[in-house]
N, C-alpha and C. Protein backbone atom coordinates (compact mmCIF):
# COMPACT_ATOMS: atom_id res chain seq x y z
N MET A 1 -45.09 -5.36 -2.10
CA MET A 1 -44.04 -4.44 -2.55
C MET A 1 -43.14 -4.02 -1.40
N ARG A 2 -43.74 -3.75 -0.24
CA ARG A 2 -42.95 -3.37 0.93
C ARG A 2 -42.04 -4.51 1.34
N ILE A 3 -42.55 -5.76 1.25
CA ILE A 3 -41.74 -6.92 1.62
C ILE A 3 -40.57 -7.07 0.65
N PHE A 4 -40.84 -6.86 -0.66
CA PHE A 4 -39.77 -6.95 -1.65
C PHE A 4 -38.69 -5.90 -1.40
N SER A 5 -39.13 -4.68 -1.04
CA SER A 5 -38.17 -3.61 -0.75
C SER A 5 -37.33 -3.96 0.46
N LEU A 6 -37.97 -4.57 1.46
CA LEU A 6 -37.23 -4.97 2.65
C LEU A 6 -36.18 -6.02 2.31
N VAL A 7 -36.55 -6.98 1.45
CA VAL A 7 -35.61 -8.01 1.04
C VAL A 7 -34.41 -7.40 0.34
N LEU A 8 -34.67 -6.43 -0.56
CA LEU A 8 -33.58 -5.77 -1.26
C LEU A 8 -32.67 -5.04 -0.29
N SER A 9 -33.29 -4.39 0.71
CA SER A 9 -32.49 -3.66 1.70
C SER A 9 -31.61 -4.60 2.49
N LEU A 10 -32.15 -5.74 2.90
CA LEU A 10 -31.37 -6.71 3.66
C LEU A 10 -30.26 -7.30 2.81
N ALA A 11 -30.53 -7.51 1.52
CA ALA A 11 -29.50 -8.04 0.63
C ALA A 11 -28.35 -7.06 0.49
N ALA A 12 -28.71 -5.79 0.43
CA ALA A 12 -27.67 -4.78 0.32
C ALA A 12 -26.80 -4.77 1.56
N LEU A 13 -27.43 -4.92 2.72
CA LEU A 13 -26.66 -4.95 3.97
C LEU A 13 -25.79 -6.19 4.04
N ALA A 14 -26.21 -7.27 3.42
CA ALA A 14 -25.44 -8.51 3.47
C ALA A 14 -24.26 -8.49 2.53
N THR A 15 -24.26 -7.58 1.55
CA THR A 15 -23.15 -7.48 0.61
C THR A 15 -21.90 -7.02 1.34
N PRO A 16 -20.76 -7.68 1.18
CA PRO A 16 -19.55 -7.27 1.88
C PRO A 16 -19.23 -5.81 1.65
N ALA A 17 -18.93 -5.07 2.73
CA ALA A 17 -18.72 -3.62 2.63
C ALA A 17 -17.48 -3.29 1.85
N TRP A 18 -16.55 -4.25 1.76
CA TRP A 18 -15.30 -3.95 1.10
C TRP A 18 -15.36 -4.09 -0.40
N SER A 19 -16.42 -4.71 -0.95
CA SER A 19 -16.47 -4.98 -2.38
C SER A 19 -16.47 -3.68 -3.18
N GLN A 20 -15.48 -3.53 -4.05
CA GLN A 20 -15.35 -2.33 -4.89
C GLN A 20 -15.40 -1.06 -4.06
N ALA A 21 -14.83 -1.11 -2.85
CA ALA A 21 -14.90 0.03 -1.94
C ALA A 21 -14.08 1.21 -2.41
N ALA A 22 -13.10 0.99 -3.26
CA ALA A 22 -12.19 2.05 -3.66
C ALA A 22 -12.46 2.54 -5.08
N ALA A 23 -13.71 2.45 -5.53
CA ALA A 23 -14.03 2.80 -6.92
C ALA A 23 -13.64 4.23 -7.25
N THR A 24 -13.88 5.16 -6.33
CA THR A 24 -13.53 6.56 -6.59
C THR A 24 -12.02 6.72 -6.73
N ALA A 25 -11.26 6.13 -5.82
CA ALA A 25 -9.81 6.26 -5.84
C ALA A 25 -9.21 5.62 -7.08
N ASN A 26 -9.86 4.57 -7.60
CA ASN A 26 -9.28 3.81 -8.70
C ASN A 26 -9.76 4.25 -10.08
N SER A 27 -10.63 5.24 -10.13
CA SER A 27 -11.21 5.63 -11.42
C SER A 27 -10.15 6.10 -12.40
N GLY A 28 -9.09 6.76 -11.93
CA GLY A 28 -8.06 7.27 -12.82
C GLY A 28 -7.05 6.23 -13.28
N TYR A 29 -7.19 5.00 -12.77
CA TYR A 29 -6.22 3.95 -13.08
C TYR A 29 -6.74 2.95 -14.12
N LYS A 30 -7.92 3.18 -14.64
CA LYS A 30 -8.55 2.19 -15.51
C LYS A 30 -7.99 2.17 -16.93
N THR A 31 -7.33 3.24 -17.33
CA THR A 31 -6.76 3.30 -18.67
C THR A 31 -5.27 3.59 -18.60
N HIS A 32 -4.57 3.24 -19.69
CA HIS A 32 -3.14 3.53 -19.76
C HIS A 32 -2.90 5.03 -19.68
N GLU A 33 -3.75 5.80 -20.35
CA GLU A 33 -3.60 7.26 -20.33
C GLU A 33 -3.78 7.81 -18.92
N GLY A 34 -4.75 7.26 -18.20
CA GLY A 34 -4.96 7.70 -16.82
C GLY A 34 -3.76 7.37 -15.95
N ARG A 35 -3.18 6.20 -16.13
CA ARG A 35 -2.02 5.82 -15.33
C ARG A 35 -0.80 6.65 -15.69
N GLU A 36 -0.71 7.08 -16.95
CA GLU A 36 0.39 7.97 -17.34
C GLU A 36 0.29 9.29 -16.59
N ARG A 37 -0.93 9.79 -16.45
CA ARG A 37 -1.11 11.04 -15.69
C ARG A 37 -0.75 10.84 -14.22
N VAL A 38 -1.15 9.69 -13.67
CA VAL A 38 -0.79 9.38 -12.28
C VAL A 38 0.72 9.29 -12.14
N ALA A 39 1.38 8.64 -13.10
CA ALA A 39 2.83 8.46 -13.05
C ALA A 39 3.55 9.80 -13.03
N GLN A 40 3.04 10.78 -13.75
CA GLN A 40 3.66 12.11 -13.75
C GLN A 40 3.64 12.70 -12.34
N GLY A 41 2.51 12.50 -11.64
CA GLY A 41 2.43 12.98 -10.27
C GLY A 41 3.36 12.23 -9.33
N LEU A 42 3.50 10.93 -9.56
CA LEU A 42 4.37 10.12 -8.71
C LEU A 42 5.84 10.49 -8.90
N ASN A 43 6.15 11.08 -10.03
CA ASN A 43 7.52 11.51 -10.30
C ASN A 43 7.68 13.02 -10.20
N ALA A 44 6.75 13.69 -9.54
CA ALA A 44 6.80 15.15 -9.44
C ALA A 44 8.08 15.60 -8.75
N SER A 45 8.58 16.74 -9.19
CA SER A 45 9.87 17.24 -8.68
C SER A 45 9.83 17.57 -7.20
N ASP A 46 8.64 17.85 -6.67
CA ASP A 46 8.54 18.22 -5.26
C ASP A 46 8.18 17.04 -4.37
N ARG A 47 8.17 15.82 -4.93
CA ARG A 47 7.73 14.69 -4.13
C ARG A 47 8.67 14.40 -2.96
N GLU A 48 9.96 14.57 -3.18
CA GLU A 48 10.90 14.26 -2.10
C GLU A 48 10.68 15.17 -0.91
N SER A 49 10.41 16.45 -1.14
CA SER A 49 10.20 17.37 -0.03
C SER A 49 8.91 17.06 0.71
N LYS A 50 7.91 16.55 -0.01
CA LYS A 50 6.64 16.22 0.62
C LYS A 50 6.67 14.83 1.26
N GLN A 51 7.21 13.87 0.52
CA GLN A 51 7.19 12.48 0.98
C GLN A 51 8.25 12.20 2.04
N ARG A 52 9.36 12.93 1.98
CA ARG A 52 10.46 12.78 2.92
C ARG A 52 10.85 11.29 3.06
N PRO A 53 11.30 10.68 1.96
CA PRO A 53 11.55 9.23 1.96
C PRO A 53 12.61 8.78 2.94
N LYS A 54 13.65 9.57 3.15
CA LYS A 54 14.70 9.16 4.08
C LYS A 54 14.16 9.13 5.51
N GLU A 55 13.33 10.11 5.86
CA GLU A 55 12.72 10.11 7.20
C GLU A 55 11.78 8.93 7.35
N LEU A 56 11.05 8.62 6.29
CA LEU A 56 10.12 7.49 6.33
C LEU A 56 10.87 6.19 6.57
N VAL A 57 11.95 5.97 5.84
CA VAL A 57 12.74 4.75 6.03
C VAL A 57 13.27 4.66 7.46
N GLU A 58 13.67 5.80 8.01
CA GLU A 58 14.18 5.81 9.38
C GLU A 58 13.09 5.39 10.38
N VAL A 59 11.87 5.93 10.18
CA VAL A 59 10.76 5.57 11.08
C VAL A 59 10.43 4.08 10.97
N LEU A 60 10.56 3.53 9.78
CA LEU A 60 10.23 2.12 9.57
C LEU A 60 11.27 1.18 10.17
N ASN A 61 12.44 1.71 10.56
CA ASN A 61 13.45 0.93 11.27
C ASN A 61 13.78 -0.37 10.52
N ILE A 62 14.16 -0.19 9.28
CA ILE A 62 14.48 -1.33 8.42
C ILE A 62 15.90 -1.82 8.71
N LYS A 63 16.04 -3.10 8.97
CA LYS A 63 17.33 -3.67 9.33
C LYS A 63 18.08 -4.18 8.09
N PRO A 64 19.40 -3.99 8.05
CA PRO A 64 20.19 -4.57 6.96
C PRO A 64 20.00 -6.08 6.92
N GLY A 65 19.88 -6.62 5.71
CA GLY A 65 19.68 -8.05 5.55
C GLY A 65 18.24 -8.49 5.56
N SER A 66 17.32 -7.57 5.82
CA SER A 66 15.91 -7.93 5.88
C SER A 66 15.27 -7.91 4.50
N THR A 67 14.05 -8.44 4.42
CA THR A 67 13.27 -8.42 3.18
C THR A 67 12.09 -7.50 3.36
N VAL A 68 11.97 -6.53 2.47
CA VAL A 68 10.91 -5.52 2.55
C VAL A 68 10.09 -5.57 1.27
N VAL A 69 8.78 -5.55 1.40
CA VAL A 69 7.88 -5.49 0.25
C VAL A 69 7.38 -4.06 0.08
N ASP A 70 7.52 -3.54 -1.13
CA ASP A 70 6.93 -2.26 -1.50
C ASP A 70 5.66 -2.58 -2.28
N LEU A 71 4.55 -2.70 -1.55
CA LEU A 71 3.30 -3.15 -2.15
C LEU A 71 2.58 -1.97 -2.79
N GLY A 72 2.29 -2.09 -4.08
CA GLY A 72 1.77 -0.96 -4.83
C GLY A 72 2.90 0.00 -5.15
N THR A 73 3.98 -0.54 -5.67
CA THR A 73 5.19 0.26 -5.87
C THR A 73 5.02 1.39 -6.87
N GLY A 74 4.03 1.27 -7.78
CA GLY A 74 3.85 2.32 -8.77
C GLY A 74 5.06 2.44 -9.67
N VAL A 75 5.63 3.64 -9.75
CA VAL A 75 6.81 3.86 -10.60
C VAL A 75 8.11 3.50 -9.89
N GLY A 76 8.01 2.94 -8.68
CA GLY A 76 9.20 2.50 -7.96
C GLY A 76 9.95 3.62 -7.27
N TYR A 77 9.24 4.67 -6.88
CA TYR A 77 9.88 5.84 -6.28
C TYR A 77 10.71 5.47 -5.05
N MET A 78 10.20 4.58 -4.21
CA MET A 78 10.86 4.26 -2.94
C MET A 78 11.96 3.21 -3.08
N LEU A 79 12.09 2.59 -4.23
CA LEU A 79 13.02 1.46 -4.35
C LEU A 79 14.47 1.81 -4.02
N PRO A 80 15.02 2.93 -4.48
CA PRO A 80 16.42 3.23 -4.10
C PRO A 80 16.62 3.38 -2.61
N TYR A 81 15.65 3.96 -1.93
CA TYR A 81 15.77 4.17 -0.48
C TYR A 81 15.64 2.84 0.28
N LEU A 82 14.70 2.00 -0.15
CA LEU A 82 14.53 0.70 0.49
C LEU A 82 15.72 -0.21 0.21
N SER A 83 16.21 -0.16 -1.02
CA SER A 83 17.36 -0.98 -1.40
C SER A 83 18.58 -0.65 -0.55
N GLU A 84 18.81 0.62 -0.34
CA GLU A 84 19.94 1.04 0.50
C GLU A 84 19.75 0.59 1.93
N ALA A 85 18.50 0.66 2.43
CA ALA A 85 18.24 0.31 3.82
C ALA A 85 18.47 -1.17 4.10
N VAL A 86 18.04 -2.05 3.18
CA VAL A 86 18.21 -3.49 3.43
C VAL A 86 19.63 -3.95 3.12
N GLY A 87 20.34 -3.19 2.31
CA GLY A 87 21.73 -3.51 2.01
C GLY A 87 21.89 -4.66 1.04
N PRO A 88 23.13 -4.99 0.69
CA PRO A 88 23.38 -6.02 -0.32
C PRO A 88 22.93 -7.42 0.08
N LYS A 89 22.81 -7.67 1.37
CA LYS A 89 22.36 -8.99 1.82
C LYS A 89 20.85 -9.05 2.02
N GLY A 90 20.19 -7.94 1.85
CA GLY A 90 18.75 -7.88 1.97
C GLY A 90 18.06 -7.93 0.62
N LYS A 91 16.73 -7.82 0.64
CA LYS A 91 15.97 -7.89 -0.60
C LYS A 91 14.75 -6.99 -0.52
N VAL A 92 14.43 -6.36 -1.65
CA VAL A 92 13.21 -5.58 -1.79
C VAL A 92 12.34 -6.26 -2.84
N ILE A 93 11.09 -6.47 -2.50
CA ILE A 93 10.11 -7.02 -3.44
C ILE A 93 9.17 -5.90 -3.83
N ALA A 94 9.17 -5.56 -5.11
CA ALA A 94 8.31 -4.49 -5.62
C ALA A 94 7.09 -5.11 -6.30
N GLU A 95 5.90 -4.80 -5.78
CA GLU A 95 4.66 -5.39 -6.29
C GLU A 95 3.74 -4.31 -6.84
N ASP A 96 3.10 -4.62 -7.93
CA ASP A 96 2.04 -3.76 -8.45
C ASP A 96 1.13 -4.61 -9.32
N ILE A 97 -0.05 -4.09 -9.63
CA ILE A 97 -1.01 -4.86 -10.44
C ILE A 97 -1.01 -4.42 -11.90
N PHE A 98 -0.24 -3.37 -12.23
CA PHE A 98 -0.24 -2.84 -13.60
C PHE A 98 1.12 -3.05 -14.26
N ASP A 99 1.10 -3.61 -15.47
CA ASP A 99 2.34 -3.85 -16.19
C ASP A 99 3.09 -2.56 -16.49
N ASP A 100 2.36 -1.49 -16.84
CA ASP A 100 3.05 -0.25 -17.19
C ASP A 100 3.74 0.37 -15.98
N PHE A 101 3.12 0.29 -14.80
CA PHE A 101 3.79 0.77 -13.60
C PHE A 101 5.03 -0.08 -13.29
N LEU A 102 4.89 -1.40 -13.40
CA LEU A 102 6.03 -2.27 -13.12
C LEU A 102 7.18 -2.00 -14.10
N ALA A 103 6.85 -1.69 -15.35
CA ALA A 103 7.89 -1.38 -16.32
C ALA A 103 8.65 -0.12 -15.91
N LYS A 104 7.92 0.88 -15.44
CA LYS A 104 8.58 2.11 -14.98
C LYS A 104 9.40 1.85 -13.72
N ALA A 105 8.89 0.99 -12.84
CA ALA A 105 9.64 0.66 -11.63
C ALA A 105 10.94 -0.07 -11.97
N ARG A 106 10.87 -0.97 -12.95
CA ARG A 106 12.08 -1.67 -13.39
C ARG A 106 13.09 -0.69 -13.98
N GLU A 107 12.61 0.26 -14.77
CA GLU A 107 13.49 1.28 -15.35
C GLU A 107 14.16 2.09 -14.24
N ASN A 108 13.39 2.43 -13.21
CA ASN A 108 13.94 3.21 -12.11
C ASN A 108 15.01 2.40 -11.37
N ALA A 109 14.73 1.13 -11.12
CA ALA A 109 15.70 0.27 -10.44
C ALA A 109 16.98 0.14 -11.27
N ALA A 110 16.80 -0.02 -12.58
CA ALA A 110 17.97 -0.17 -13.45
C ALA A 110 18.79 1.12 -13.49
N SER A 111 18.10 2.27 -13.50
CA SER A 111 18.83 3.54 -13.57
C SER A 111 19.64 3.80 -12.31
N HIS A 112 19.25 3.17 -11.19
CA HIS A 112 20.00 3.30 -9.94
C HIS A 112 20.89 2.08 -9.68
N SER A 113 20.97 1.19 -10.66
CA SER A 113 21.81 -0.02 -10.55
C SER A 113 21.48 -0.84 -9.30
N LEU A 114 20.20 -1.00 -9.05
CA LEU A 114 19.77 -1.77 -7.88
C LEU A 114 19.79 -3.26 -8.21
N THR A 115 20.50 -4.02 -7.44
CA THR A 115 20.65 -5.45 -7.72
C THR A 115 19.90 -6.33 -6.72
N ASN A 116 19.26 -5.73 -5.74
CA ASN A 116 18.57 -6.52 -4.71
C ASN A 116 17.06 -6.31 -4.74
N VAL A 117 16.52 -6.01 -5.92
CA VAL A 117 15.08 -5.77 -6.08
C VAL A 117 14.48 -6.82 -6.99
N GLU A 118 13.39 -7.44 -6.55
CA GLU A 118 12.61 -8.36 -7.37
C GLU A 118 11.24 -7.76 -7.63
N PHE A 119 10.58 -8.22 -8.69
CA PHE A 119 9.30 -7.64 -9.08
C PHE A 119 8.23 -8.72 -9.16
N ILE A 120 7.04 -8.37 -8.65
CA ILE A 120 5.92 -9.30 -8.67
C ILE A 120 4.70 -8.55 -9.18
N LYS A 121 3.95 -9.19 -10.10
CA LYS A 121 2.69 -8.63 -10.54
C LYS A 121 1.56 -9.30 -9.77
N GLY A 122 0.79 -8.51 -9.03
CA GLY A 122 -0.35 -9.02 -8.30
C GLY A 122 -1.64 -8.72 -9.02
N ILE A 123 -2.75 -9.00 -8.35
CA ILE A 123 -4.07 -8.62 -8.84
C ILE A 123 -4.79 -7.88 -7.71
N ASP A 124 -5.97 -7.35 -7.99
CA ASP A 124 -6.62 -6.45 -7.04
C ASP A 124 -7.02 -7.10 -5.74
N ARG A 125 -7.07 -8.42 -5.69
CA ARG A 125 -7.42 -9.09 -4.43
C ARG A 125 -6.34 -10.05 -3.95
N ASP A 126 -5.19 -10.06 -4.61
CA ASP A 126 -4.11 -10.97 -4.22
C ASP A 126 -2.78 -10.41 -4.72
N PRO A 127 -1.92 -9.91 -3.82
CA PRO A 127 -0.62 -9.40 -4.25
C PRO A 127 0.37 -10.49 -4.65
N ARG A 128 -0.03 -11.74 -4.46
CA ARG A 128 0.79 -12.89 -4.88
C ARG A 128 2.19 -12.88 -4.28
N LEU A 129 2.25 -12.51 -3.02
CA LEU A 129 3.53 -12.52 -2.31
C LEU A 129 3.83 -13.94 -1.83
N PRO A 130 5.08 -14.36 -1.88
CA PRO A 130 5.41 -15.70 -1.36
C PRO A 130 5.20 -15.76 0.15
N ALA A 131 4.76 -16.89 0.62
CA ALA A 131 4.46 -17.06 2.04
C ALA A 131 5.73 -17.01 2.88
N ASP A 132 5.59 -16.47 4.08
CA ASP A 132 6.67 -16.47 5.08
C ASP A 132 7.99 -15.96 4.48
N SER A 133 7.92 -14.82 3.80
CA SER A 133 9.08 -14.35 3.05
C SER A 133 9.55 -12.96 3.44
N ALA A 134 8.74 -12.20 4.17
CA ALA A 134 9.05 -10.78 4.37
C ALA A 134 9.12 -10.42 5.86
N ASP A 135 9.95 -9.43 6.14
CA ASP A 135 10.02 -8.86 7.49
C ASP A 135 9.12 -7.64 7.61
N LEU A 136 8.91 -6.95 6.50
CA LEU A 136 8.10 -5.73 6.50
C LEU A 136 7.39 -5.60 5.17
N VAL A 137 6.11 -5.32 5.22
CA VAL A 137 5.35 -4.94 4.02
C VAL A 137 4.96 -3.47 4.17
N MET A 138 5.41 -2.66 3.23
CA MET A 138 5.10 -1.23 3.24
C MET A 138 4.03 -0.93 2.20
N VAL A 139 2.97 -0.26 2.62
CA VAL A 139 1.90 0.14 1.72
C VAL A 139 1.84 1.66 1.74
N LEU A 140 2.51 2.28 0.78
CA LEU A 140 2.65 3.73 0.74
C LEU A 140 1.64 4.34 -0.22
N ASP A 141 0.73 5.14 0.31
CA ASP A 141 -0.28 5.85 -0.48
C ASP A 141 -1.09 4.88 -1.36
N ALA A 142 -1.24 3.65 -0.90
CA ALA A 142 -1.91 2.64 -1.72
C ALA A 142 -3.05 1.94 -1.00
N TYR A 143 -3.10 2.04 0.34
CA TYR A 143 -4.14 1.30 1.06
C TYR A 143 -5.53 1.75 0.64
N HIS A 144 -5.69 3.04 0.38
CA HIS A 144 -7.02 3.54 0.00
C HIS A 144 -7.43 3.07 -1.39
N HIS A 145 -6.52 2.39 -2.11
CA HIS A 145 -6.86 1.81 -3.41
C HIS A 145 -7.31 0.36 -3.30
N PHE A 146 -7.26 -0.23 -2.11
CA PHE A 146 -7.65 -1.63 -1.95
C PHE A 146 -9.17 -1.77 -2.15
N ASP A 147 -9.58 -2.53 -3.17
CA ASP A 147 -10.99 -2.87 -3.32
C ASP A 147 -11.39 -4.00 -2.38
N TYR A 148 -10.44 -4.87 -2.06
CA TYR A 148 -10.73 -6.05 -1.25
C TYR A 148 -9.73 -6.12 -0.09
N PRO A 149 -9.84 -5.22 0.88
CA PRO A 149 -8.83 -5.14 1.93
C PRO A 149 -8.68 -6.41 2.74
N ASP A 150 -9.78 -7.12 3.01
CA ASP A 150 -9.65 -8.33 3.83
C ASP A 150 -8.86 -9.41 3.10
N LYS A 151 -9.08 -9.53 1.81
CA LYS A 151 -8.34 -10.52 1.03
C LYS A 151 -6.86 -10.13 0.93
N MET A 152 -6.61 -8.85 0.71
CA MET A 152 -5.23 -8.37 0.62
C MET A 152 -4.50 -8.58 1.95
N LEU A 153 -5.16 -8.24 3.04
CA LEU A 153 -4.53 -8.35 4.35
C LEU A 153 -4.25 -9.81 4.72
N ALA A 154 -5.11 -10.71 4.27
CA ALA A 154 -4.88 -12.13 4.54
C ALA A 154 -3.60 -12.61 3.87
N VAL A 155 -3.38 -12.19 2.63
CA VAL A 155 -2.16 -12.59 1.92
C VAL A 155 -0.94 -11.91 2.53
N ILE A 156 -1.09 -10.63 2.88
CA ILE A 156 0.02 -9.91 3.51
C ILE A 156 0.43 -10.62 4.80
N ALA A 157 -0.55 -11.01 5.61
CA ALA A 157 -0.23 -11.70 6.87
C ALA A 157 0.53 -12.99 6.60
N LYS A 158 0.11 -13.75 5.60
CA LYS A 158 0.79 -15.01 5.28
C LYS A 158 2.21 -14.77 4.77
N SER A 159 2.42 -13.62 4.13
CA SER A 159 3.74 -13.35 3.54
C SER A 159 4.77 -12.96 4.60
N LEU A 160 4.32 -12.56 5.77
CA LEU A 160 5.23 -12.06 6.79
C LEU A 160 5.78 -13.19 7.67
N HIS A 161 7.04 -13.03 8.05
CA HIS A 161 7.61 -13.90 9.06
C HIS A 161 6.84 -13.70 10.38
N PRO A 162 6.91 -14.65 11.31
CA PRO A 162 6.29 -14.44 12.63
C PRO A 162 6.79 -13.13 13.25
N GLY A 163 5.86 -12.31 13.69
CA GLY A 163 6.21 -11.02 14.25
C GLY A 163 6.53 -9.96 13.22
N GLY A 164 6.37 -10.28 11.93
CA GLY A 164 6.63 -9.32 10.87
C GLY A 164 5.68 -8.14 10.93
N ARG A 165 6.06 -7.06 10.25
CA ARG A 165 5.33 -5.81 10.38
C ARG A 165 4.71 -5.36 9.05
N LEU A 166 3.61 -4.65 9.20
CA LEU A 166 2.93 -3.99 8.09
C LEU A 166 2.90 -2.50 8.37
N ALA A 167 3.38 -1.70 7.43
CA ALA A 167 3.36 -0.25 7.58
C ALA A 167 2.42 0.35 6.55
N VAL A 168 1.41 1.04 7.02
CA VAL A 168 0.47 1.75 6.14
C VAL A 168 0.77 3.24 6.25
N ILE A 169 1.14 3.84 5.13
CA ILE A 169 1.36 5.28 5.08
C ILE A 169 0.32 5.82 4.12
N ASP A 170 -0.58 6.63 4.63
CA ASP A 170 -1.69 7.07 3.79
C ASP A 170 -2.15 8.46 4.22
N PHE A 171 -3.14 8.96 3.49
CA PHE A 171 -3.62 10.32 3.69
C PHE A 171 -4.79 10.36 4.66
N TYR A 172 -4.81 11.39 5.49
CA TYR A 172 -6.01 11.67 6.27
C TYR A 172 -7.14 12.03 5.32
N LYS A 173 -8.31 11.50 5.61
CA LYS A 173 -9.45 11.74 4.72
C LYS A 173 -9.74 13.23 4.58
N ASN A 174 -9.74 13.95 5.69
CA ASN A 174 -10.06 15.37 5.65
C ASN A 174 -8.87 16.24 5.27
N GLY A 175 -7.70 15.61 5.12
CA GLY A 175 -6.52 16.36 4.70
C GLY A 175 -6.25 16.22 3.22
N PHE A 176 -7.07 15.39 2.54
CA PHE A 176 -6.87 15.17 1.11
C PHE A 176 -7.75 16.12 0.33
N ARG A 177 -7.27 16.50 -0.86
CA ARG A 177 -7.99 17.50 -1.66
C ARG A 177 -9.39 17.03 -2.04
N ASP A 178 -9.58 15.72 -2.14
CA ASP A 178 -10.89 15.15 -2.45
C ASP A 178 -11.18 14.06 -1.43
N PRO A 179 -11.89 14.38 -0.34
CA PRO A 179 -12.11 13.40 0.73
C PRO A 179 -12.77 12.11 0.24
N ALA A 180 -13.59 12.18 -0.81
CA ALA A 180 -14.26 10.98 -1.31
C ALA A 180 -13.25 9.98 -1.88
N HIS A 181 -12.06 10.46 -2.22
CA HIS A 181 -11.01 9.60 -2.77
C HIS A 181 -10.48 8.63 -1.72
N ILE A 182 -10.55 9.02 -0.44
CA ILE A 182 -10.00 8.22 0.65
C ILE A 182 -11.12 7.45 1.32
N ARG A 183 -11.06 6.12 1.26
CA ARG A 183 -12.16 5.28 1.75
C ARG A 183 -12.35 5.39 3.25
N LEU A 184 -11.26 5.33 4.01
CA LEU A 184 -11.34 5.35 5.47
C LEU A 184 -10.32 6.34 6.02
N ASP A 185 -10.67 7.01 7.11
CA ASP A 185 -9.68 7.82 7.81
C ASP A 185 -8.78 6.90 8.64
N GLN A 186 -7.82 7.50 9.32
CA GLN A 186 -6.83 6.70 10.05
C GLN A 186 -7.47 5.73 11.04
N ASP A 187 -8.42 6.18 11.83
CA ASP A 187 -9.04 5.30 12.83
C ASP A 187 -9.72 4.12 12.17
N GLY A 188 -10.39 4.36 11.04
CA GLY A 188 -11.05 3.28 10.32
C GLY A 188 -10.07 2.28 9.75
N VAL A 189 -8.95 2.77 9.23
CA VAL A 189 -7.91 1.89 8.71
C VAL A 189 -7.35 1.02 9.83
N ILE A 190 -7.08 1.63 10.97
CA ILE A 190 -6.52 0.86 12.10
C ILE A 190 -7.49 -0.23 12.53
N ARG A 191 -8.78 0.10 12.64
CA ARG A 191 -9.76 -0.91 13.03
C ARG A 191 -9.82 -2.04 12.00
N GLU A 192 -9.79 -1.69 10.74
CA GLU A 192 -9.89 -2.70 9.69
C GLU A 192 -8.67 -3.62 9.68
N VAL A 193 -7.49 -3.04 9.79
CA VAL A 193 -6.27 -3.85 9.79
C VAL A 193 -6.22 -4.74 11.03
N GLU A 194 -6.56 -4.19 12.18
CA GLU A 194 -6.51 -4.98 13.42
C GLU A 194 -7.53 -6.12 13.40
N SER A 195 -8.63 -5.94 12.68
CA SER A 195 -9.63 -7.01 12.61
C SER A 195 -9.22 -8.12 11.65
N ASN A 196 -8.07 -7.94 11.01
CA ASN A 196 -7.59 -8.94 10.05
C ASN A 196 -6.23 -9.50 10.43
N GLY A 197 -5.99 -9.67 11.73
CA GLY A 197 -4.82 -10.42 12.17
C GLY A 197 -3.59 -9.60 12.51
N PHE A 198 -3.76 -8.30 12.78
CA PHE A 198 -2.63 -7.45 13.13
C PHE A 198 -2.93 -6.66 14.39
N GLU A 199 -1.88 -6.14 15.01
CA GLU A 199 -2.05 -5.24 16.15
C GLU A 199 -1.23 -3.98 15.90
N LEU A 200 -1.78 -2.83 16.23
CA LEU A 200 -1.08 -1.56 16.04
C LEU A 200 0.03 -1.44 17.08
N ILE A 201 1.23 -1.10 16.61
CA ILE A 201 2.35 -0.91 17.55
C ILE A 201 2.91 0.51 17.51
N HIS A 202 2.55 1.28 16.48
CA HIS A 202 3.06 2.66 16.43
C HIS A 202 2.25 3.45 15.41
N LYS A 203 2.00 4.72 15.74
CA LYS A 203 1.40 5.62 14.75
C LYS A 203 1.92 7.03 14.99
N GLN A 204 2.02 7.79 13.90
CA GLN A 204 2.48 9.17 14.00
C GLN A 204 2.12 9.90 12.71
N ASP A 205 2.18 11.21 12.75
CA ASP A 205 2.06 12.01 11.54
C ASP A 205 3.30 11.83 10.69
N HIS A 206 3.12 11.89 9.39
CA HIS A 206 4.27 11.99 8.47
C HIS A 206 4.28 13.38 7.84
N GLN A 207 3.16 13.77 7.28
CA GLN A 207 2.93 15.17 6.91
C GLN A 207 1.78 15.64 7.78
N PRO A 208 2.02 16.51 8.76
CA PRO A 208 0.97 16.90 9.70
C PRO A 208 -0.32 17.31 9.00
N LYS A 209 -1.42 16.71 9.45
CA LYS A 209 -2.77 16.96 8.96
C LYS A 209 -2.99 16.47 7.52
N VAL A 210 -1.97 15.87 6.93
CA VAL A 210 -2.08 15.41 5.55
C VAL A 210 -1.87 13.89 5.45
N GLN A 211 -0.84 13.37 6.08
CA GLN A 211 -0.44 11.98 5.89
C GLN A 211 0.05 11.39 7.21
N TYR A 212 -0.28 10.13 7.44
CA TYR A 212 0.10 9.46 8.68
C TYR A 212 0.83 8.17 8.39
N ILE A 213 1.50 7.67 9.42
CA ILE A 213 2.15 6.36 9.39
C ILE A 213 1.50 5.51 10.48
N ALA A 214 1.06 4.31 10.15
CA ALA A 214 0.54 3.35 11.13
C ALA A 214 1.28 2.04 10.91
N ILE A 215 1.96 1.56 11.96
CA ILE A 215 2.75 0.34 11.85
C ILE A 215 2.10 -0.74 12.71
N PHE A 216 1.93 -1.91 12.12
CA PHE A 216 1.26 -3.03 12.77
C PHE A 216 2.21 -4.23 12.82
N ARG A 217 1.97 -5.09 13.81
CA ARG A 217 2.70 -6.36 13.89
C ARG A 217 1.72 -7.50 13.64
N LYS A 218 2.18 -8.48 12.90
CA LYS A 218 1.38 -9.67 12.68
C LYS A 218 1.18 -10.41 14.00
N LYS A 219 -0.05 -10.77 14.30
CA LYS A 219 -0.33 -11.48 15.54
C LYS A 219 0.14 -12.93 15.44
């Protein structure tokens, strides 16, 4: 019996740590009704004051004519700001894994008459981004939802041009109302991303003690 218990323990250790790692964060996304509640929060009237999208775009140093991916776009909140930053010769790729979120993002793009936005439906382990297509992949408040971060990061790396950048904007674990919702704190995220083909080039607070920005370059 002791030997059997040891075997089970070793098997558990051998199971990839990333498998279903974001179960707590993703529990509210399993039903359409749950996603509707999430969407209400994503469209909250005070989001602009908290998220400070114009400041975020400035920190990301997005160049006119570039291609930017909004990975996990949700209701497409950032699309007008990203669209303006890349300009008419640039492109924004809005990705999400849920049809209802993508429908809301399309509605948002249409309401702002955005003509340089494309939409992609991914899955939980593959955002299905075209290879060698992007200058910047932005993951806003979505990294802690990754169930399979190594698989996602591998595709993100392939989607970037040489020297392309990945920006993770997420919540500090201890600054979030429910710490269990956030899989890794900032240091853990940086280690995980760097172990998957990236190097950190910049980090800073976005909302002090609440949200940070970490920008990486593809190696």
